[in-house]
C-alpha cells in the first residue's frame, strides 16, 4: 500500500498510510539494493509499504519523487543528503536582527529552486527588529522574484499572510539555521505546543531543539516539514537553481561577448561592467563566482567518486570470477 514518510529516526521511520501513523523499517531487499544515500526514504517521500501478517510495516520501495531538496552531506564523503522530498514551497527562515545574511540566503535559494519548490523568505522574530521593512528590502535585493515576509510568532504579525503558500494539500518545508524560531513558528501554525522549543538566549538567539525532520498536518490542511537547524549548507547539484537564484546576473550575462563567460577577466563582460558602474552589487557577483567554483569542484569530486565506485565494482566481479574458476577446477 502507498504511505508517506512523516519522520525518520536514524534509519527507523514513521509513515502514514491513510489510516494513521505507524513505525516502519526498510525491507532487506531494499536495504541491499540501495547504492546511494539519496536513494533511501526521506521525510516527505511516498513509499510502497507492506503491513505484514504480524502487523510490522516494512518499506519495499521509494516511489518516484516530484523533486527533492538536496545538499552535500556534512563531512568528507561526497554524497547527497535529502532534506525533504516532494515539496511545493520552501520556507527559508532567517531571524531578525542578528541572523540575516544575504550570502546564506542566496545559497538556500539556489537549492530551493533546484528542488522544484517555490522559495519564500521568512524574516522571523520581526518583533525584535528595529526596522523589519529595511531588512526585507535588503533581502529582496538578493532574491529577485521571491516573496519576502516578516513574521513574529510572539505577536502573530505576518502569520496570516502565510496562508497564500500553506494551502490544503500542499507540502512546505521549513529551513534555516539553528535558533531562528522554526519550531516555535510551526507550533504557532499548528495551534499548540506540538514541537519542543528552547528558551531564547540573552542575545535574542534561540536554542536548537529539533533533532529530526518531521512532517506535520496544519489546521489549514497544508503539510509542513520542520527540519533541524543547519550549521553548513553545501551545494550538491544546483546549476539550474543557481541560474534562478541569480536571475539578475543571468540577464546581464546575455550581453557578454562570450556565451561561456565566467565574469572574471574575459573581455566584453557585461556583468563585470555592470558591477563596476554600480548597476550590480560587486558582493553579489563575488557570491555567484564562489558558488560556481563550489559546484565545479563538487562535480569533479562526484566524477572521482563515481570512477572509484565503478573500479571497485569491476574488481568485485573479477574476484567473483576467479573464485568461480578456482572452485570449478577443484571439481574437474
Protein backbone atom coordinates (compact mmCIF):
# COMPACT_ATOMS: atom_id res chain seq x y z
CA UNK A 1 0.00 0.00 0.00
CA UNK A 2 1.18 3.60 -0.52
CA UNK A 3 2.27 5.57 2.52
CA UNK A 4 4.13 8.79 3.19
CA UNK A 5 7.20 9.15 5.38
CA UNK A 6 6.43 11.62 8.16
CA UNK A 7 9.63 11.19 10.20
CA UNK A 8 12.99 9.43 10.18
CA UNK A 9 14.98 8.43 13.26
CA UNK A 10 18.43 7.03 12.42
CA UNK A 11 17.20 4.52 9.86
CA UNK A 12 13.83 3.92 11.51
CA UNK A 13 10.77 5.55 10.02
CA UNK A 14 7.29 6.73 10.88
CA UNK A 15 4.85 6.53 7.97
CA UNK A 16 1.22 7.47 7.40
CA UNK A 17 -0.78 5.05 5.25
CA UNK A 18 -4.06 6.98 5.46
CA UNK A 19 -5.29 5.01 8.45
CA UNK A 20 -2.83 6.64 10.83
CA UNK A 21 0.85 6.77 11.65
CA UNK A 22 2.90 3.66 12.31
CA UNK A 23 6.58 2.73 12.64
CA UNK A 24 8.29 1.07 9.68
CA UNK A 25 11.68 -0.34 8.77
CA UNK A 26 13.45 -0.95 5.47
CA UNK A 27 12.82 -4.30 3.83
CA UNK A 28 16.01 -6.32 3.48
CA UNK A 29 15.85 -6.34 -0.32
CA UNK A 30 15.59 -2.54 -0.47
CA UNK A 31 18.43 -2.09 2.02
CA UNK A 32 20.60 -4.44 -0.03
CA UNK A 33 19.95 -2.72 -3.38
CA UNK A 34 20.30 0.91 -2.27
CA UNK A 35 23.52 2.21 -3.81
CA UNK A 36 23.47 5.83 -2.62
CA UNK A 37 22.33 7.64 0.49
CA UNK A 38 19.93 9.80 -1.52
CA UNK A 39 18.02 6.66 -2.61
CA UNK A 40 16.93 5.93 0.96
CA UNK A 41 13.48 7.11 2.12
CA UNK A 42 13.37 10.70 3.35
CA UNK A 43 10.72 12.76 5.08
CA UNK A 44 8.08 13.64 2.50
CA UNK A 45 8.72 10.57 0.36
CA UNK A 46 5.94 8.30 -0.84
CA UNK A 47 6.82 4.64 -0.33
CA UNK A 48 5.41 1.19 -1.05
CA UNK A 49 4.54 -0.31 2.34
CA UNK A 50 3.85 -3.92 3.34
CA UNK A 51 1.96 -4.16 6.64
CA UNK A 52 2.78 -7.84 7.02
CA UNK A 53 0.74 -10.56 8.72
CA UNK A 54 2.21 -9.72 12.14
CA UNK A 55 1.40 -6.02 11.81
CA UNK A 56 5.03 -4.96 11.36
CA UNK A 57 5.38 -2.49 8.50
CA UNK A 58 8.27 -2.65 6.03
CA UNK A 59 9.20 -0.27 3.23
CA UNK A 60 9.82 -2.10 -0.04
CA UNK A 61 10.37 0.82 -2.45
CA UNK A 62 10.65 4.58 -2.65
CA UNK A 63 8.18 5.88 -5.22
CA UNK A 64 9.42 8.40 -7.83
CA UNK A 65 9.91 11.88 -6.40
CA UNK A 66 8.50 15.06 -7.90
CA UNK A 67 11.55 16.79 -6.52
CA UNK A 68 13.90 16.78 -3.57
CA UNK A 69 15.80 19.35 -1.52
CA UNK A 70 19.38 18.06 -1.72
CA UNK A 71 22.60 19.23 -0.12
CA UNK A 72 26.06 17.73 0.12
CA UNK A 73 26.16 15.63 3.26
CA UNK A 74 28.29 17.04 6.06
CA UNK A 75 31.78 15.64 6.37
CA UNK A 76 34.35 14.39 3.86
CA UNK A 77 32.14 11.91 2.00
CA UNK A 78 30.99 13.01 -1.46
CA UNK A 79 27.32 12.10 -1.25
CA UNK A 80 23.96 13.81 -1.29
CA UNK A 81 21.59 14.14 1.64
CA UNK A 82 17.86 14.54 1.05
CA UNK A 83 16.48 17.14 3.44
CA UNK A 84 12.88 16.82 2.22
CA UNK A 85 11.09 15.25 -0.74
CA UNK A 86 8.03 16.14 -2.79
CA UNK A 87 7.92 19.74 -1.55
CA UNK A 88 5.87 22.54 -3.12
CA UNK A 89 7.09 25.50 -1.05
CA UNK A 90 10.45 26.11 0.66
CA UNK A 91 10.08 28.49 3.62
CA UNK A 92 13.58 29.85 4.27
CA UNK A 93 13.66 31.28 7.78
CA UNK A 94 16.22 33.81 8.98
CA UNK A 95 15.86 35.62 12.30
CA UNK A 96 15.97 39.35 12.82
CA UNK A 97 18.09 41.13 13.63
CA UNK A 98 21.23 39.03 14.16
CA UNK A 99 20.84 36.09 11.75
CA UNK A 100 20.31 37.99 8.50
CA UNK A 101 22.92 37.00 5.89
CA UNK A 102 22.35 37.78 2.22
CA UNK A 103 25.04 35.31 1.15
CA UNK A 104 23.44 32.44 3.08
CA UNK A 105 20.01 33.30 1.66
CA UNK A 106 21.44 33.12 -1.88
CA UNK A 107 22.71 29.62 -1.12
CA UNK A 108 19.33 28.48 0.23
CA UNK A 109 17.56 29.96 -2.79
CA UNK A 110 19.80 28.10 -5.25
CA UNK A 111 18.99 24.76 -3.62
CA UNK A 112 15.30 25.60 -3.28
CA UNK A 113 14.89 26.46 -6.96
CA UNK A 114 16.81 23.31 -7.91
CA UNK A 115 14.43 21.19 -5.83
CA UNK A 116 11.42 22.33 -7.84
CA UNK A 117 9.88 24.13 -4.87
CA UNK A 118 8.87 27.78 -4.81
CA UNK A 119 11.07 29.61 -2.26
CA UNK A 120 9.71 32.14 0.24
CA UNK A 121 11.98 34.02 2.66
CA UNK A 122 10.60 34.44 6.18
CA UNK A 123 12.14 37.08 8.42
CA UNK A 124 11.31 35.62 11.83
CA UNK A 125 11.37 37.39 15.21
CA UNK A 126 10.29 40.60 13.49
CA UNK A 127 9.13 41.91 16.88
CA UNK A 128 12.82 42.19 17.90
CA UNK A 129 13.86 44.22 14.84
CA UNK A 130 14.18 47.99 14.81
CA UNK A 131 13.33 48.19 11.09
CA UNK A 132 11.89 45.00 9.58
CA UNK A 133 10.97 46.82 6.38
CA UNK A 134 14.60 47.77 5.75
CA UNK A 135 15.66 44.15 6.32
CA UNK A 136 13.02 42.98 3.85
CA UNK A 137 14.31 45.41 1.22
CA UNK A 138 17.86 44.11 1.71
CA UNK A 139 16.68 40.52 1.17
CA UNK A 140 14.63 41.40 -1.92
CA UNK A 141 17.78 42.86 -3.45
CA UNK A 142 19.39 39.39 -3.46
CA UNK A 143 16.19 37.39 -4.07
CA UNK A 144 14.74 38.51 -7.41
CA UNK A 145 11.20 37.26 -7.93
CA UNK A 146 10.98 35.76 -4.42
CA UNK A 147 8.34 36.73 -1.86
CA UNK A 148 9.71 38.03 1.46
CA UNK A 149 7.58 38.19 4.61
CA UNK A 150 8.40 39.50 8.09
CA UNK A 151 6.67 37.42 10.79
CA UNK A 152 6.54 37.16 14.56
CA UNK A 153 5.47 34.02 16.40
CA UNK A 154 5.13 36.12 19.56
CA UNK A 155 2.76 38.82 18.30
CA UNK A 156 1.32 36.89 15.36
CA UNK A 157 2.21 39.68 12.94
CA UNK A 158 2.55 38.49 9.33
CA UNK A 159 1.33 34.94 10.01
CA UNK A 160 -1.97 35.43 8.19
CA UNK A 161 -0.04 36.17 5.01
CA UNK A 162 1.41 32.63 5.07
CA UNK A 163 -1.98 31.27 4.09
CA UNK A 164 -1.30 32.03 0.44
CA UNK A 165 1.51 29.44 0.47
CA UNK A 166 0.17 26.99 3.08
CA UNK A 167 -2.83 25.74 1.16
CA UNK A 168 -4.67 22.42 1.61
CA UNK A 169 -2.80 19.51 0.08
CA UNK A 170 0.43 21.45 -0.44
CA UNK A 171 3.68 20.49 1.26
CA UNK A 172 6.07 23.11 2.62
CA UNK A 173 9.48 22.64 4.21
CA UNK A 174 10.78 25.00 6.90
CA UNK A 175 14.53 25.55 6.59
CA UNK A 176 17.08 27.71 8.36
CA UNK A 177 19.92 27.91 10.83
CA UNK A 178 19.66 26.76 14.43
CA UNK A 179 17.74 29.05 16.74
CA UNK A 180 15.82 31.09 14.16
CA UNK A 181 12.47 30.02 15.62
CA UNK A 182 11.36 27.34 13.15
CA UNK A 183 9.77 25.06 15.76
CA UNK A 184 8.12 28.00 17.53
CA UNK A 185 6.66 29.09 14.20
CA UNK A 186 5.50 25.54 13.44
CA UNK A 187 3.80 25.35 16.85
CA UNK A 188 2.04 28.65 16.20
CA UNK A 189 0.80 27.39 12.83
CA UNK A 190 -0.30 24.11 14.44
CA UNK A 191 -2.17 25.99 17.16
CA UNK A 192 -0.42 24.23 20.05
CA UNK A 193 2.85 23.02 21.55
CA UNK A 194 3.48 20.11 19.20
CA UNK A 195 7.25 20.55 18.90
CA UNK A 196 9.71 21.13 21.73
CA UNK A 197 11.27 24.58 21.77
CA UNK A 198 14.14 26.16 23.68
CA UNK A 199 14.31 29.39 25.61
CA UNK A 200 15.68 32.46 23.87
CA UNK A 201 19.18 33.46 24.95
CA UNK A 202 20.14 36.93 26.07
CA UNK A 203 21.43 37.77 22.58
CA UNK A 204 18.00 37.04 21.10
CA UNK A 205 19.02 33.75 19.50
CA UNK A 206 17.01 30.61 20.15
CA UNK A 207 18.43 27.30 21.25
CA UNK A 208 18.43 24.42 18.77
CA UNK A 209 15.84 21.80 19.75
CA UNK A 210 14.68 19.95 16.60
CA UNK A 211 16.72 16.77 16.08
CA UNK A 212 14.98 15.19 13.09
CA UNK A 213 12.78 16.09 10.16
CA UNK A 214 9.07 15.74 10.81
CA UNK A 215 6.01 16.22 8.61
CA UNK A 216 3.08 17.95 10.32
CA UNK A 217 -0.52 18.45 9.20
CA UNK A 218 -1.67 22.03 9.78
CA UNK A 219 -5.23 23.05 10.56
CA UNK A 220 -5.47 24.55 7.07
CA UNK A 221 -4.88 21.13 5.52
CA UNK A 222 -1.38 22.06 4.39
CA UNK A 223 1.59 19.88 5.29
CA UNK A 224 4.74 21.31 6.88
CA UNK A 225 8.12 19.60 7.26
CA UNK A 226 10.09 21.01 10.20
CA UNK A 227 13.85 20.46 9.96
CA UNK A 228 16.83 20.70 12.33
CA UNK A 229 18.94 23.82 12.09
CA UNK A 230 21.82 23.55 9.63
CA UNK A 231 25.30 24.74 10.54
CA UNK A 232 26.50 24.25 6.97
CA UNK A 233 24.68 24.15 3.66
CA UNK A 234 26.89 22.92 0.85
CA UNK A 235 25.56 22.73 -2.68
CA UNK A 236 25.12 19.40 -4.40
CA UNK A 237 23.72 19.84 -7.89
CA UNK A 238 22.27 23.30 -8.43
CA UNK A 239 23.14 24.60 -11.90
CA UNK A 240 19.53 25.39 -12.77
CA UNK A 241 18.82 26.60 -9.25
CA UNK A 242 21.83 28.90 -9.29
CA UNK A 243 20.66 30.48 -12.55
CA UNK A 244 17.24 31.11 -10.99
CA UNK A 245 18.68 32.47 -7.73
CA UNK A 246 20.90 34.87 -9.70
CA UNK A 247 18.38 35.79 -12.39
CA UNK A 248 19.71 39.35 -12.45
CA UNK A 249 23.24 38.12 -13.18
CA UNK A 250 21.93 35.77 -15.88
CA UNK A 251 20.00 38.62 -17.52
CA UNK A 252 23.14 40.77 -17.65
CA UNK A 253 25.18 37.81 -18.96
CA UNK A 254 23.13 37.87 -22.16
CA UNK A 255 25.19 40.94 -23.12
CA UNK A 256 28.58 39.29 -22.62
CA UNK A 257 30.81 38.78 -25.65
CA UNK A 258 31.33 35.10 -24.87
CA UNK A 259 28.50 32.67 -24.15
CA UNK A 260 30.58 30.83 -21.53
CA UNK A 261 31.82 34.00 -19.84
CA UNK A 262 32.90 33.45 -16.25
CA UNK A 263 32.55 37.18 -15.47
CA UNK A 264 36.11 37.26 -14.22
CA UNK A 265 38.76 38.60 -16.63
CA UNK A 266 37.15 37.95 -20.02
CA UNK A 267 36.94 40.93 -22.41
CA UNK A 268 33.49 42.29 -23.18
CA UNK A 269 31.93 41.04 -19.93
CA UNK A 270 28.62 42.84 -19.40
CA UNK A 271 28.23 41.52 -15.85
CA UNK A 272 31.58 42.84 -14.64
CA UNK A 273 30.88 46.16 -16.39
CA UNK A 274 27.55 46.41 -14.52
CA UNK A 275 29.33 45.79 -11.22
CA UNK A 276 31.92 48.46 -11.99
CA UNK A 277 29.31 51.13 -12.75
CA UNK A 278 27.19 50.21 -9.70
CA UNK A 279 24.29 48.57 -11.53
CA UNK A 280 25.14 45.24 -9.82
CA UNK A 281 26.42 44.79 -6.27
CA UNK A 282 30.04 43.53 -6.56
CA UNK A 283 29.42 41.34 -3.49
CA UNK A 284 26.62 39.59 -5.36
CA UNK A 285 28.87 38.92 -8.34
CA UNK A 286 31.56 37.56 -6.00
CA UNK A 287 28.95 35.29 -4.41
CA UNK A 288 27.90 33.96 -7.83
CA UNK A 289 31.52 33.22 -8.71
CA UNK A 290 32.13 31.50 -5.38
CA UNK A 291 29.08 29.23 -5.76
CA UNK A 292 30.06 28.43 -9.36
CA UNK A 293 33.52 27.36 -8.21
CA UNK A 294 31.97 25.25 -5.47
CA UNK A 295 29.75 23.46 -7.99
CA UNK A 296 32.70 22.86 -10.35
CA UNK A 297 34.80 21.44 -7.50
CA UNK A 298 31.94 19.23 -6.38
CA UNK A 299 31.34 17.95 -9.93
CA UNK A 300 34.99 16.87 -10.04
CA UNK A 301 34.63 15.10 -6.69
CA UNK A 302 31.46 13.37 -7.91
CA UNK A 303 33.23 12.14 -11.04
CA UNK A 304 36.13 10.83 -8.94
CA UNK A 305 33.75 9.08 -6.56
CA UNK A 306 31.81 7.53 -9.45
CA UNK A 307 35.04 6.31 -11.05
CA UNK A 308 36.21 4.79 -7.77
CA UNK A 309 32.86 3.08 -7.28
CA UNK A 310 32.95 1.62 -10.78
CA UNK A 311 36.53 0.43 -10.28
CA UNK A 312 35.51 -1.29 -7.05
CA UNK A 313 32.56 -2.92 -8.82
CA UNK A 314 34.78 -4.30 -11.58
CA UNK A 315 37.29 -5.62 -9.03
CA UNK A 316 34.47 -7.36 -7.18
CA UNK A 317 33.30 -9.02 -10.41
CA UNK A 318 36.83 -10.19 -11.20
CA UNK A 319 37.26 -11.63 -7.70
CA UNK A 320 33.98 -13.49 -8.05
CA UNK A 321 35.04 -14.86 -11.45
CA UNK A 322 38.40 -16.04 -10.12
CA UNK A 323 36.72 -17.73 -7.18
CA UNK A 324 34.28 -19.41 -9.56
CA UNK A 325 37.08 -20.71 -11.80
CA UNK A 326 39.05 -21.99 -8.79
CA UNK A 327 36.01 -23.77 -7.48
CA UNK A 328 35.36 -25.29 -10.91
CA UNK A 329 38.94 -26.58 -11.13
CA UNK A 330 38.53 -28.49 -7.87
CA UNK A 331 35.57 -30.41 -9.30
CA UNK A 332 37.25 -31.40 -12.59
